[in-house]
Amino acid sequence: MAQLPPITVSTLDLARLEALLEKQPDSEAVRRLENELDRAKVVAPAEVPDNIVTMNSIITFTMAGSKDSFTKTLCYPRDMDGAKEKISVLAPIGAALLGLAIGQCIEWPGPNGKTLQVTITAIDYQPERAGDYQS
């Protein structure tokens, strides 16, 4: 797997995600998210660049080998309501997207052991950019 790109996470997202992880049973998904948080540059919410994927961001991304682009909201598990436009931060792809900047790509283990390469192409909504620190 290629070297992981740098990521940025807000102090608010970090605190909320750490509280979430404390309540989760040990799993590969939990360990992946913990590893992502451990390597993240952590900044105050008001200092998050507007090109960074944060929790509750609406993002557009592509997957290598596909001409399709996908637009999803990165959600906490409690906000998953079955809507196909949402992705949980505990899903492997959700953990991979957190903290990436527009234009960055990351390789991440996908289903059946296949490696996926995801590239962020747009952030249509970011709570910090909108001044929404309650989400």
N, C-alpha and C. Protein backbone atom coordinates (compact mmCIF):
# COMPACT_ATOMS: atom_id res chain seq x y z
N MET A 1 0.84 -1.18 0.00
CA MET A 1 0.00 0.00 0.00
C MET A 1 0.89 1.24 0.00
N ALA A 2 0.46 2.28 -0.68
CA ALA A 2 1.22 3.52 -0.78
C ALA A 2 1.26 4.23 0.57
N GLN A 3 2.18 5.18 0.67
CA GLN A 3 2.29 5.98 1.89
C GLN A 3 0.99 6.75 2.09
N LEU A 4 0.56 6.86 3.34
CA LEU A 4 -0.69 7.56 3.64
C LEU A 4 -0.50 9.07 3.54
N PRO A 5 -1.47 9.78 2.97
CA PRO A 5 -1.37 11.23 2.86
C PRO A 5 -1.59 11.88 4.23
N PRO A 6 -1.08 13.10 4.41
CA PRO A 6 -1.34 13.80 5.67
C PRO A 6 -2.83 14.12 5.79
N ILE A 7 -3.32 14.11 7.02
CA ILE A 7 -4.72 14.45 7.26
C ILE A 7 -4.83 15.46 8.40
N THR A 8 -5.94 16.18 8.43
CA THR A 8 -6.22 17.18 9.45
C THR A 8 -7.58 16.90 10.06
N VAL A 9 -7.65 16.97 11.39
CA VAL A 9 -8.90 16.74 12.11
C VAL A 9 -9.07 17.86 13.13
N SER A 10 -10.30 18.29 13.33
CA SER A 10 -10.55 19.35 14.32
C SER A 10 -10.55 18.76 15.73
N THR A 11 -10.26 19.60 16.71
CA THR A 11 -10.29 19.16 18.11
C THR A 11 -11.69 18.68 18.48
N LEU A 12 -12.71 19.31 17.92
CA LEU A 12 -14.09 18.93 18.21
C LEU A 12 -14.41 17.55 17.63
N ASP A 13 -14.05 17.32 16.38
CA ASP A 13 -14.26 16.00 15.78
C ASP A 13 -13.46 14.94 16.54
N LEU A 14 -12.23 15.25 16.90
CA LEU A 14 -11.39 14.30 17.61
C LEU A 14 -12.04 13.90 18.93
N ALA A 15 -12.50 14.87 19.70
CA ALA A 15 -13.13 14.57 21.00
C ALA A 15 -14.39 13.71 20.81
N ARG A 16 -15.21 14.06 19.83
CA ARG A 16 -16.44 13.29 19.59
C ARG A 16 -16.13 11.87 19.11
N LEU A 17 -15.14 11.74 18.25
CA LEU A 17 -14.78 10.42 17.73
C LEU A 17 -14.13 9.55 18.81
N GLU A 18 -13.29 10.15 19.64
CA GLU A 18 -12.69 9.38 20.74
C GLU A 18 -13.77 8.88 21.70
N ALA A 19 -14.77 9.72 21.99
CA ALA A 19 -15.89 9.29 22.86
C ALA A 19 -16.67 8.15 22.20
N LEU A 20 -16.88 8.24 20.90
CA LEU A 20 -17.57 7.19 20.16
C LEU A 20 -16.77 5.89 20.22
N LEU A 21 -15.47 5.96 19.97
CA LEU A 21 -14.63 4.77 19.93
C LEU A 21 -14.55 4.07 21.29
N GLU A 22 -14.62 4.83 22.37
CA GLU A 22 -14.58 4.23 23.70
C GLU A 22 -15.76 3.28 23.93
N LYS A 23 -16.86 3.52 23.24
CA LYS A 23 -18.09 2.73 23.42
C LYS A 23 -18.20 1.58 22.43
N GLN A 24 -17.25 1.47 21.50
CA GLN A 24 -17.33 0.46 20.45
C GLN A 24 -16.56 -0.80 20.85
N PRO A 25 -17.09 -1.96 20.48
CA PRO A 25 -16.30 -3.18 20.69
C PRO A 25 -15.09 -3.16 19.75
N ASP A 26 -14.03 -3.83 20.15
CA ASP A 26 -12.83 -3.87 19.33
C ASP A 26 -13.15 -4.52 17.98
N SER A 27 -12.70 -3.88 16.93
CA SER A 27 -12.88 -4.41 15.58
C SER A 27 -11.83 -3.80 14.68
N GLU A 28 -11.70 -4.36 13.49
CA GLU A 28 -10.74 -3.81 12.52
C GLU A 28 -11.12 -2.38 12.16
N ALA A 29 -12.42 -2.10 12.00
CA ALA A 29 -12.87 -0.75 11.65
C ALA A 29 -12.50 0.25 12.73
N VAL A 30 -12.68 -0.14 13.98
CA VAL A 30 -12.34 0.74 15.10
C VAL A 30 -10.84 1.01 15.12
N ARG A 31 -10.04 -0.03 14.94
CA ARG A 31 -8.58 0.14 14.95
C ARG A 31 -8.12 1.03 13.79
N ARG A 32 -8.75 0.89 12.62
CA ARG A 32 -8.38 1.75 11.48
C ARG A 32 -8.66 3.21 11.79
N LEU A 33 -9.83 3.48 12.36
CA LEU A 33 -10.16 4.87 12.69
C LEU A 33 -9.22 5.39 13.77
N GLU A 34 -8.92 4.58 14.77
CA GLU A 34 -7.97 5.01 15.81
C GLU A 34 -6.61 5.34 15.20
N ASN A 35 -6.15 4.52 14.27
CA ASN A 35 -4.87 4.78 13.61
C ASN A 35 -4.90 6.08 12.82
N GLU A 36 -6.02 6.34 12.15
CA GLU A 36 -6.15 7.60 11.40
C GLU A 36 -6.10 8.80 12.36
N LEU A 37 -6.80 8.71 13.46
CA LEU A 37 -6.81 9.81 14.42
C LEU A 37 -5.43 10.02 15.03
N ASP A 38 -4.71 8.93 15.27
CA ASP A 38 -3.37 9.03 15.86
C ASP A 38 -2.40 9.76 14.95
N ARG A 39 -2.58 9.66 13.65
CA ARG A 39 -1.62 10.28 12.73
C ARG A 39 -2.07 11.67 12.25
N ALA A 40 -3.24 12.10 12.67
CA ALA A 40 -3.79 13.37 12.18
C ALA A 40 -3.13 14.59 12.82
N LYS A 41 -3.04 15.64 12.03
CA LYS A 41 -2.72 16.97 12.56
C LYS A 41 -4.03 17.49 13.15
N VAL A 42 -4.01 17.91 14.41
CA VAL A 42 -5.23 18.33 15.09
C VAL A 42 -5.21 19.85 15.25
N VAL A 43 -6.30 20.50 14.80
CA VAL A 43 -6.40 21.95 14.87
C VAL A 43 -7.76 22.35 15.44
N ALA A 44 -7.86 23.58 15.91
CA ALA A 44 -9.14 24.10 16.40
C ALA A 44 -10.14 24.13 15.24
N PRO A 45 -11.44 23.97 15.53
CA PRO A 45 -12.44 23.97 14.45
C PRO A 45 -12.36 25.20 13.55
N ALA A 46 -12.13 26.37 14.10
CA ALA A 46 -12.08 27.59 13.29
C ALA A 46 -10.83 27.63 12.40
N GLU A 47 -9.85 26.76 12.67
CA GLU A 47 -8.61 26.74 11.90
C GLU A 47 -8.57 25.64 10.84
N VAL A 48 -9.66 24.87 10.73
CA VAL A 48 -9.70 23.80 9.72
C VAL A 48 -9.78 24.44 8.34
N PRO A 49 -8.83 24.13 7.47
CA PRO A 49 -8.92 24.67 6.10
C PRO A 49 -10.23 24.23 5.44
N ASP A 50 -10.76 25.06 4.56
CA ASP A 50 -12.07 24.75 3.97
C ASP A 50 -12.02 23.67 2.90
N ASN A 51 -10.84 23.12 2.64
CA ASN A 51 -10.71 22.04 1.65
C ASN A 51 -10.51 20.67 2.31
N ILE A 52 -10.81 20.56 3.60
CA ILE A 52 -10.59 19.34 4.39
C ILE A 52 -11.92 18.66 4.68
N VAL A 53 -11.95 17.32 4.58
CA VAL A 53 -13.13 16.54 4.92
C VAL A 53 -13.21 16.41 6.44
N THR A 54 -14.30 16.93 7.00
CA THR A 54 -14.56 16.82 8.43
C THR A 54 -15.87 16.05 8.62
N MET A 55 -16.18 15.74 9.85
CA MET A 55 -17.44 15.05 10.13
C MET A 55 -18.61 15.91 9.65
N ASN A 56 -19.58 15.26 9.05
CA ASN A 56 -20.79 15.87 8.50
C ASN A 56 -20.54 16.69 7.24
N SER A 57 -19.35 16.56 6.66
CA SER A 57 -19.08 17.19 5.37
C SER A 57 -19.80 16.41 4.27
N ILE A 58 -20.22 17.13 3.25
CA ILE A 58 -20.75 16.50 2.05
C ILE A 58 -19.63 16.55 1.03
N ILE A 59 -19.18 15.38 0.61
CA ILE A 59 -17.99 15.30 -0.23
C ILE A 59 -18.28 14.54 -1.52
N THR A 60 -17.53 14.89 -2.53
CA THR A 60 -17.58 14.17 -3.79
C THR A 60 -16.21 13.54 -4.00
N PHE A 61 -16.22 12.26 -4.37
CA PHE A 61 -14.97 11.55 -4.57
C PHE A 61 -15.12 10.55 -5.71
N THR A 62 -13.97 10.13 -6.22
CA THR A 62 -13.94 9.10 -7.25
C THR A 62 -13.13 7.93 -6.72
N MET A 63 -13.34 6.78 -7.36
CA MET A 63 -12.58 5.59 -7.02
C MET A 63 -11.83 5.17 -8.27
N ALA A 64 -10.54 4.87 -8.11
CA ALA A 64 -9.71 4.45 -9.25
C ALA A 64 -10.36 3.26 -9.93
N GLY A 65 -10.33 3.28 -11.24
CA GLY A 65 -10.91 2.19 -12.01
C GLY A 65 -12.38 2.39 -12.31
N SER A 66 -12.95 3.51 -11.84
CA SER A 66 -14.35 3.81 -12.10
C SER A 66 -14.46 5.23 -12.64
N LYS A 67 -15.33 5.43 -13.59
CA LYS A 67 -15.57 6.78 -14.11
C LYS A 67 -16.62 7.51 -13.28
N ASP A 68 -17.23 6.78 -12.35
CA ASP A 68 -18.29 7.36 -11.53
C ASP A 68 -17.71 8.22 -10.42
N SER A 69 -18.46 9.25 -10.06
CA SER A 69 -18.13 10.00 -8.85
C SER A 69 -19.28 9.79 -7.87
N PHE A 70 -18.96 9.91 -6.60
CA PHE A 70 -19.92 9.65 -5.54
C PHE A 70 -19.99 10.87 -4.65
N THR A 71 -21.18 11.25 -4.23
CA THR A 71 -21.36 12.34 -3.28
C THR A 71 -22.01 11.75 -2.04
N LYS A 72 -21.32 11.90 -0.91
CA LYS A 72 -21.77 11.30 0.35
C LYS A 72 -21.56 12.29 1.48
N THR A 73 -22.34 12.11 2.55
CA THR A 73 -22.14 12.84 3.79
C THR A 73 -21.43 11.92 4.77
N LEU A 74 -20.31 12.37 5.32
CA LEU A 74 -19.57 11.58 6.30
C LEU A 74 -20.24 11.75 7.66
N CYS A 75 -20.81 10.66 8.19
CA CYS A 75 -21.67 10.72 9.37
C CYS A 75 -21.14 9.90 10.54
N TYR A 76 -21.63 10.25 11.71
CA TYR A 76 -21.48 9.40 12.88
C TYR A 76 -22.45 8.24 12.74
N PRO A 77 -22.14 7.09 13.32
CA PRO A 77 -23.05 5.94 13.19
C PRO A 77 -24.49 6.25 13.63
N ARG A 78 -24.66 7.09 14.63
CA ARG A 78 -26.01 7.42 15.13
C ARG A 78 -26.85 8.15 14.09
N ASP A 79 -26.19 8.77 13.11
CA ASP A 79 -26.91 9.53 12.08
C ASP A 79 -27.21 8.72 10.82
N MET A 80 -26.76 7.48 10.82
CA MET A 80 -27.03 6.61 9.67
C MET A 80 -28.50 6.19 9.72
N ASP A 81 -29.22 6.51 8.66
CA ASP A 81 -30.65 6.20 8.64
C ASP A 81 -31.02 5.37 7.42
N GLY A 82 -30.02 4.75 6.83
CA GLY A 82 -30.27 3.92 5.65
C GLY A 82 -30.20 4.69 4.34
N ALA A 83 -30.04 5.99 4.42
CA ALA A 83 -29.95 6.79 3.20
C ALA A 83 -28.64 6.47 2.49
N LYS A 84 -28.72 6.21 1.19
CA LYS A 84 -27.53 5.79 0.46
C LYS A 84 -26.52 6.92 0.26
N GLU A 85 -26.91 8.16 0.52
CA GLU A 85 -25.97 9.26 0.37
C GLU A 85 -25.16 9.53 1.64
N LYS A 86 -25.30 8.66 2.63
CA LYS A 86 -24.53 8.80 3.87
C LYS A 86 -23.54 7.65 4.00
N ILE A 87 -22.41 7.96 4.64
CA ILE A 87 -21.41 6.94 4.91
C ILE A 87 -20.91 7.13 6.34
N SER A 88 -20.85 6.05 7.08
CA SER A 88 -20.41 6.10 8.47
C SER A 88 -18.90 6.23 8.55
N VAL A 89 -18.45 7.00 9.52
CA VAL A 89 -17.01 7.13 9.76
C VAL A 89 -16.42 5.80 10.21
N LEU A 90 -17.26 4.87 10.68
CA LEU A 90 -16.77 3.55 11.08
C LEU A 90 -16.68 2.58 9.90
N ALA A 91 -17.25 2.96 8.75
CA ALA A 91 -17.07 2.14 7.55
C ALA A 91 -15.63 2.36 7.08
N PRO A 92 -15.01 1.34 6.51
CA PRO A 92 -13.62 1.52 6.07
C PRO A 92 -13.41 2.74 5.18
N ILE A 93 -14.30 2.97 4.23
CA ILE A 93 -14.14 4.12 3.35
C ILE A 93 -14.38 5.42 4.10
N GLY A 94 -15.26 5.41 5.10
CA GLY A 94 -15.52 6.61 5.90
C GLY A 94 -14.29 7.03 6.68
N ALA A 95 -13.64 6.06 7.33
CA ALA A 95 -12.41 6.35 8.07
C ALA A 95 -11.32 6.86 7.13
N ALA A 96 -11.29 6.32 5.92
CA ALA A 96 -10.27 6.73 4.95
C ALA A 96 -10.48 8.17 4.49
N LEU A 97 -11.72 8.60 4.37
CA LEU A 97 -12.03 9.94 3.86
C LEU A 97 -11.75 11.04 4.88
N LEU A 98 -11.91 10.73 6.16
CA LEU A 98 -11.77 11.74 7.21
C LEU A 98 -10.41 12.43 7.15
N GLY A 99 -10.44 13.75 7.10
CA GLY A 99 -9.22 14.54 7.18
C GLY A 99 -8.50 14.79 5.88
N LEU A 100 -8.95 14.15 4.78
CA LEU A 100 -8.31 14.37 3.49
C LEU A 100 -8.66 15.75 2.93
N ALA A 101 -7.79 16.25 2.07
CA ALA A 101 -8.03 17.52 1.39
C ALA A 101 -8.45 17.24 -0.06
N ILE A 102 -9.11 18.22 -0.67
CA ILE A 102 -9.47 18.11 -2.08
C ILE A 102 -8.20 17.83 -2.88
N GLY A 103 -8.29 16.85 -3.76
CA GLY A 103 -7.16 16.47 -4.60
C GLY A 103 -6.33 15.34 -4.03
N GLN A 104 -6.44 15.08 -2.73
CA GLN A 104 -5.68 13.98 -2.15
C GLN A 104 -6.35 12.65 -2.47
N CYS A 105 -5.52 11.61 -2.51
CA CYS A 105 -6.06 10.27 -2.67
C CYS A 105 -5.44 9.37 -1.61
N ILE A 106 -6.14 8.28 -1.32
CA ILE A 106 -5.67 7.33 -0.33
C ILE A 106 -6.04 5.94 -0.81
N GLU A 107 -5.15 5.00 -0.54
CA GLU A 107 -5.45 3.60 -0.78
C GLU A 107 -5.92 3.01 0.53
N TRP A 108 -6.96 2.17 0.44
CA TRP A 108 -7.59 1.65 1.65
C TRP A 108 -8.11 0.25 1.36
N PRO A 109 -8.00 -0.66 2.34
CA PRO A 109 -8.53 -2.01 2.12
C PRO A 109 -10.04 -1.98 1.89
N GLY A 110 -10.47 -2.62 0.85
CA GLY A 110 -11.89 -2.69 0.54
C GLY A 110 -12.41 -4.09 0.79
N PRO A 111 -13.62 -4.35 0.33
CA PRO A 111 -14.20 -5.67 0.49
C PRO A 111 -13.36 -6.74 -0.20
N ASN A 112 -13.37 -7.92 0.33
CA ASN A 112 -12.66 -9.07 -0.24
C ASN A 112 -11.15 -8.85 -0.35
N GLY A 113 -10.61 -7.96 0.49
CA GLY A 113 -9.17 -7.74 0.50
C GLY A 113 -8.65 -6.91 -0.65
N LYS A 114 -9.55 -6.43 -1.50
CA LYS A 114 -9.16 -5.61 -2.64
C LYS A 114 -8.83 -4.19 -2.16
N THR A 115 -7.74 -3.62 -2.67
CA THR A 115 -7.36 -2.26 -2.30
C THR A 115 -8.11 -1.27 -3.17
N LEU A 116 -8.68 -0.27 -2.53
CA LEU A 116 -9.40 0.79 -3.23
C LEU A 116 -8.57 2.07 -3.18
N GLN A 117 -8.61 2.84 -4.26
CA GLN A 117 -7.97 4.15 -4.25
C GLN A 117 -9.06 5.20 -4.43
N VAL A 118 -9.16 6.08 -3.45
CA VAL A 118 -10.20 7.09 -3.41
C VAL A 118 -9.55 8.47 -3.55
N THR A 119 -10.13 9.34 -4.37
CA THR A 119 -9.63 10.71 -4.55
C THR A 119 -10.77 11.69 -4.26
N ILE A 120 -10.49 12.67 -3.41
CA ILE A 120 -11.47 13.71 -3.08
C ILE A 120 -11.47 14.72 -4.22
N THR A 121 -12.65 14.97 -4.79
CA THR A 121 -12.74 15.94 -5.89
C THR A 121 -13.44 17.24 -5.50
N ALA A 122 -14.27 17.20 -4.45
CA ALA A 122 -14.96 18.43 -4.01
C ALA A 122 -15.49 18.25 -2.59
N ILE A 123 -15.61 19.35 -1.91
CA ILE A 123 -16.31 19.38 -0.62
C ILE A 123 -17.45 20.36 -0.80
N ASP A 124 -18.65 19.81 -0.93
CA ASP A 124 -19.82 20.63 -1.22
C ASP A 124 -20.33 21.37 0.01
N TYR A 125 -20.07 20.80 1.18
CA TYR A 125 -20.45 21.43 2.44
C TYR A 125 -19.48 20.95 3.51
N GLN A 126 -18.98 21.89 4.29
CA GLN A 126 -18.14 21.57 5.44
C GLN A 126 -18.68 22.37 6.61
N PRO A 127 -19.06 21.72 7.72
CA PRO A 127 -19.64 22.46 8.85
C PRO A 127 -18.76 23.61 9.34
N GLU A 128 -17.47 23.39 9.42
CA GLU A 128 -16.58 24.43 9.93
C GLU A 128 -16.57 25.64 9.00
N ARG A 129 -16.59 25.42 7.70
CA ARG A 129 -16.63 26.51 6.72
C ARG A 129 -17.92 27.31 6.87
N ALA A 130 -19.00 26.59 7.24
CA ALA A 130 -20.31 27.24 7.41
C ALA A 130 -20.50 27.82 8.81
N GLY A 131 -19.51 27.63 9.69
CA GLY A 131 -19.62 28.12 11.06
C GLY A 131 -20.51 27.28 11.94
N ASP A 132 -20.78 26.05 11.54
CA ASP A 132 -21.64 25.13 12.29
C ASP A 132 -20.77 24.18 13.13
N TYR A 133 -20.66 24.47 14.41
CA TYR A 133 -19.84 23.64 15.29
C TYR A 133 -20.70 22.73 16.18
N GLN A 134 -21.98 22.65 15.91
CA GLN A 134 -22.89 21.83 16.71
C GLN A 134 -23.06 20.43 16.15
N SER A 135 -22.79 20.23 14.86
CA SER A 135 -23.03 18.93 14.20
C SER A 135 -22.18 17.83 14.77
